[in-house]
Amino acid sequence: MEARTLLSNNLKAMMKIQGIDTQKALADCAGVSITQVANILHHRKAASVDVVEKFADALGCPCWQLLAPGLQNLKQSDQNVLDILTWIMNLPENDRELMLKVIFRFAILHHESTLQ
């Protein structure tokens, strides 16, 4: 999928998740013009990295998430998981390793319990 289409679809999905229902609201949150938002949402113009970063900040997600395939199918529960993973990845290395070990152990225990 073309990057402009991917960004547009993902912006729309994140706007829905965050309860941002108008282009003007996104423009105000991101500190960009409504014309710029409309051009990006309708694939007329490419967004600069700086603008993608502004959108990500306004929508409370990392920049990569706005360019990731499949985001338009994201549900709120999936967003919560992504938020947790982003939080974990921003932990100091020792804390991150410990947290990932705990999650891995939990997953094993959960899997074992479903086999019984």
C-alpha atoms as a PDB file:
ATOM      1  CA  MET A   1       0.000   0.000   0.000  1.00  0.00           C
ATOM      2  CA  GLU A   2       1.216   3.484  -0.829  1.00  0.00           C
ATOM      3  CA  ALA A   3       2.589   5.439   2.145  1.00  0.00           C
ATOM      4  CA  ARG A   4       0.146   8.348   1.669  1.00  0.00           C
ATOM      5  CA  THR A   5      -2.827   5.965   1.736  1.00  0.00           C
ATOM      6  CA  LEU A   6      -1.435   4.121   4.741  1.00  0.00           C
ATOM      7  CA  LEU A   7      -0.920   7.362   6.676  1.00  0.00           C
ATOM      8  CA  SER A   8      -4.389   8.616   5.764  1.00  0.00           C
ATOM      9  CA  ASN A   9      -6.092   5.357   6.805  1.00  0.00           C
ATOM     10  CA  ASN A  10      -4.131   5.201  10.056  1.00  0.00           C
ATOM     11  CA  LEU A  11      -4.836   8.834  10.911  1.00  0.00           C
ATOM     12  CA  LYS A  12      -8.548   8.207  10.426  1.00  0.00           C
ATOM     13  CA  ALA A  13      -8.397   5.066  12.591  1.00  0.00           C
ATOM     14  CA  MET A  14      -6.511   6.851  15.387  1.00  0.00           C
ATOM     15  CA  MET A  15      -8.845   9.828  15.202  1.00  0.00           C
ATOM     16  CA  LYS A  16     -11.773   7.460  15.725  1.00  0.00           C
ATOM     17  CA  ILE A  17     -10.058   5.700  18.653  1.00  0.00           C
ATOM     18  CA  GLN A  18      -9.170   9.012  20.308  1.00  0.00           C
ATOM     19  CA  GLY A  19     -12.626  10.519  19.719  1.00  0.00           C
ATOM     20  CA  ILE A  20     -11.357  13.227  17.371  1.00  0.00           C
ATOM     21  CA  ASP A  21     -14.253  13.586  14.974  1.00  0.00           C
ATOM     22  CA  THR A  22     -13.261  16.487  12.723  1.00  0.00           C
ATOM     23  CA  GLN A  23     -10.298  17.547  10.643  1.00  0.00           C
ATOM     24  CA  LYS A  24     -10.337  20.863  12.469  1.00  0.00           C
ATOM     25  CA  ALA A  25     -10.028  19.113  15.826  1.00  0.00           C
ATOM     26  CA  LEU A  26      -7.011  17.144  14.583  1.00  0.00           C
ATOM     27  CA  ALA A  27      -5.477  20.289  13.105  1.00  0.00           C
ATOM     28  CA  ASP A  28      -5.922  22.147  16.394  1.00  0.00           C
ATOM     29  CA  CYS A  29      -4.466  19.276  18.460  1.00  0.00           C
ATOM     30  CA  ALA A  30      -1.499  18.846  16.130  1.00  0.00           C
ATOM     31  CA  GLY A  31      -0.816  22.540  15.563  1.00  0.00           C
ATOM     32  CA  VAL A  32      -1.132  22.324  11.786  1.00  0.00           C
ATOM     33  CA  SER A  33      -3.573  23.899   9.348  1.00  0.00           C
ATOM     34  CA  ILE A  34      -6.895  22.307   8.509  1.00  0.00           C
ATOM     35  CA  THR A  35      -5.891  22.529   4.828  1.00  0.00           C
ATOM     36  CA  GLN A  36      -2.795  20.467   5.570  1.00  0.00           C
ATOM     37  CA  VAL A  37      -4.879  17.846   7.410  1.00  0.00           C
ATOM     38  CA  ALA A  38      -7.406  17.681   4.548  1.00  0.00           C
ATOM     39  CA  ASN A  39      -4.664  17.332   1.929  1.00  0.00           C
ATOM     40  CA  ILE A  40      -3.039  14.480   3.844  1.00  0.00           C
ATOM     41  CA  LEU A  41      -6.303  12.685   4.644  1.00  0.00           C
ATOM     42  CA  HIS A  42      -7.340  12.881   0.973  1.00  0.00           C
ATOM     43  CA  HIS A  43      -3.873  11.811  -0.327  1.00  0.00           C
ATOM     44  CA  ARG A  44      -3.317  15.108  -2.155  1.00  0.00           C
ATOM     45  CA  LYS A  45      -0.066  15.957  -0.361  1.00  0.00           C
ATOM     46  CA  ALA A  46       2.653  14.012   1.392  1.00  0.00           C
ATOM     47  CA  ALA A  47       3.320  14.694   5.050  1.00  0.00           C
ATOM     48  CA  SER A  48       6.767  15.636   6.272  1.00  0.00           C
ATOM     49  CA  VAL A  49       8.330  13.689   9.117  1.00  0.00           C
ATOM     50  CA  ASP A  50       7.766  16.729  11.332  1.00  0.00           C
ATOM     51  CA  VAL A  51       4.045  16.727  10.556  1.00  0.00           C
ATOM     52  CA  VAL A  52       3.764  12.970  11.161  1.00  0.00           C
ATOM     53  CA  GLU A  53       5.445  13.569  14.526  1.00  0.00           C
ATOM     54  CA  LYS A  54       2.914  16.318  15.341  1.00  0.00           C
ATOM     55  CA  PHE A  55       0.045  13.972  14.453  1.00  0.00           C
ATOM     56  CA  ALA A  56       1.536  11.207  16.584  1.00  0.00           C
ATOM     57  CA  ASP A  57       1.898  13.551  19.562  1.00  0.00           C
ATOM     58  CA  ALA A  58      -1.670  14.801  19.125  1.00  0.00           C
ATOM     59  CA  LEU A  59      -3.023  11.242  18.859  1.00  0.00           C
ATOM     60  CA  GLY A  60      -0.906   9.850  21.683  1.00  0.00           C
ATOM     61  CA  CYS A  61       0.910   7.237  19.636  1.00  0.00           C
ATOM     62  CA  PRO A  62       4.438   6.677  18.303  1.00  0.00           C
ATOM     63  CA  CYS A  63       5.200   7.875  14.754  1.00  0.00           C
ATOM     64  CA  TRP A  64       5.756   4.352  13.448  1.00  0.00           C
ATOM     65  CA  GLN A  65       2.197   3.444  14.368  1.00  0.00           C
ATOM     66  CA  LEU A  66       0.846   5.959  11.856  1.00  0.00           C
ATOM     67  CA  LEU A  67       2.760   4.206   9.086  1.00  0.00           C
ATOM     68  CA  ALA A  68       2.117   0.609  10.165  1.00  0.00           C
ATOM     69  CA  PRO A  69      -0.060  -1.585   7.940  1.00  0.00           C
ATOM     70  CA  GLY A  70      -3.347  -2.828   9.388  1.00  0.00           C
ATOM     71  CA  LEU A  71      -3.963  -0.006  11.837  1.00  0.00           C
ATOM     72  CA  GLN A  72      -7.348   0.815  10.298  1.00  0.00           C
ATOM     73  CA  ASN A  73      -8.611  -2.477  11.795  1.00  0.00           C
ATOM     74  CA  LEU A  74      -7.380  -1.537  15.252  1.00  0.00           C
ATOM     75  CA  LYS A  75      -9.837  -1.715  18.134  1.00  0.00           C
ATOM     76  CA  GLN A  76      -9.527   0.166  21.425  1.00  0.00           C
ATOM     77  CA  SER A  77      -8.314  -2.990  23.179  1.00  0.00           C
ATOM     78  CA  ASP A  78      -5.558  -3.353  20.556  1.00  0.00           C
ATOM     79  CA  GLN A  79      -4.614   0.281  21.115  1.00  0.00           C
ATOM     80  CA  ASN A  80      -4.311  -0.402  24.826  1.00  0.00           C
ATOM     81  CA  VAL A  81      -1.909  -3.267  24.101  1.00  0.00           C
ATOM     82  CA  LEU A  82       0.149  -1.016  21.812  1.00  0.00           C
ATOM     83  CA  ASP A  83       0.243   1.649  24.536  1.00  0.00           C
ATOM     84  CA  ILE A  84       1.543  -0.913  27.035  1.00  0.00           C
ATOM     85  CA  LEU A  85       4.168  -2.204  24.594  1.00  0.00           C
ATOM     86  CA  THR A  86       5.321   1.340  23.865  1.00  0.00           C
ATOM     87  CA  TRP A  87       5.571   2.009  27.606  1.00  0.00           C
ATOM     88  CA  ILE A  88       7.589  -1.190  28.102  1.00  0.00           C
ATOM     89  CA  MET A  89       9.957  -0.353  25.248  1.00  0.00           C
ATOM     90  CA  ASN A  90      10.632   3.048  26.844  1.00  0.00           C
ATOM     91  CA  LEU A  91      11.624   1.539  30.199  1.00  0.00           C
ATOM     92  CA  PRO A  92      15.291   1.417  31.197  1.00  0.00           C
ATOM     93  CA  GLU A  93      16.896  -1.755  29.807  1.00  0.00           C
ATOM     94  CA  ASN A  94      16.961  -3.739  33.075  1.00  0.00           C
ATOM     95  CA  ASP A  95      13.335  -2.914  33.870  1.00  0.00           C
ATOM     96  CA  ARG A  96      12.305  -3.681  30.289  1.00  0.00           C
ATOM     97  CA  GLU A  97      13.983  -7.097  30.389  1.00  0.00           C
ATOM     98  CA  LEU A  98      12.329  -7.931  33.703  1.00  0.00           C
ATOM     99  CA  MET A  99       8.901  -6.818  32.455  1.00  0.00           C
ATOM    100  CA  LEU A 100       9.243  -8.874  29.274  1.00  0.00           C
ATOM    101  CA  LYS A 101      10.219 -11.947  31.324  1.00  0.00           C
ATOM    102  CA  VAL A 102       7.123 -11.499  33.503  1.00  0.00           C
ATOM    103  CA  ILE A 103       4.889 -11.158  30.435  1.00  0.00           C
ATOM    104  CA  PHE A 104       6.492 -14.185  28.787  1.00  0.00           C
ATOM    105  CA  ARG A 105       5.986 -16.271  31.927  1.00  0.00           C
ATOM    106  CA  PHE A 106       2.384 -15.136  32.187  1.00  0.00           C
ATOM    107  CA  ALA A 107       1.806 -16.115  28.542  1.00  0.00           C
ATOM    108  CA  ILE A 108       3.249 -19.591  29.155  1.00  0.00           C
ATOM    109  CA  LEU A 109       1.077 -20.097  32.242  1.00  0.00           C
ATOM    110  CA  HIS A 110      -2.004 -18.882  30.414  1.00  0.00           C
ATOM    111  CA  HIS A 111      -1.293 -21.171  27.465  1.00  0.00           C
ATOM    112  CA  GLU A 112      -0.764 -24.166  29.773  1.00  0.00           C
ATOM    113  CA  SER A 113      -4.048 -23.457  31.559  1.00  0.00           C
ATOM    114  CA  THR A 114      -5.964 -23.448  28.267  1.00  0.00           C
ATOM    115  CA  LEU A 115      -4.603 -26.897  27.392  1.00  0.00           C
ATOM    116  CA  GLN A 116      -6.154 -28.488  30.482  1.00  0.00           C
END
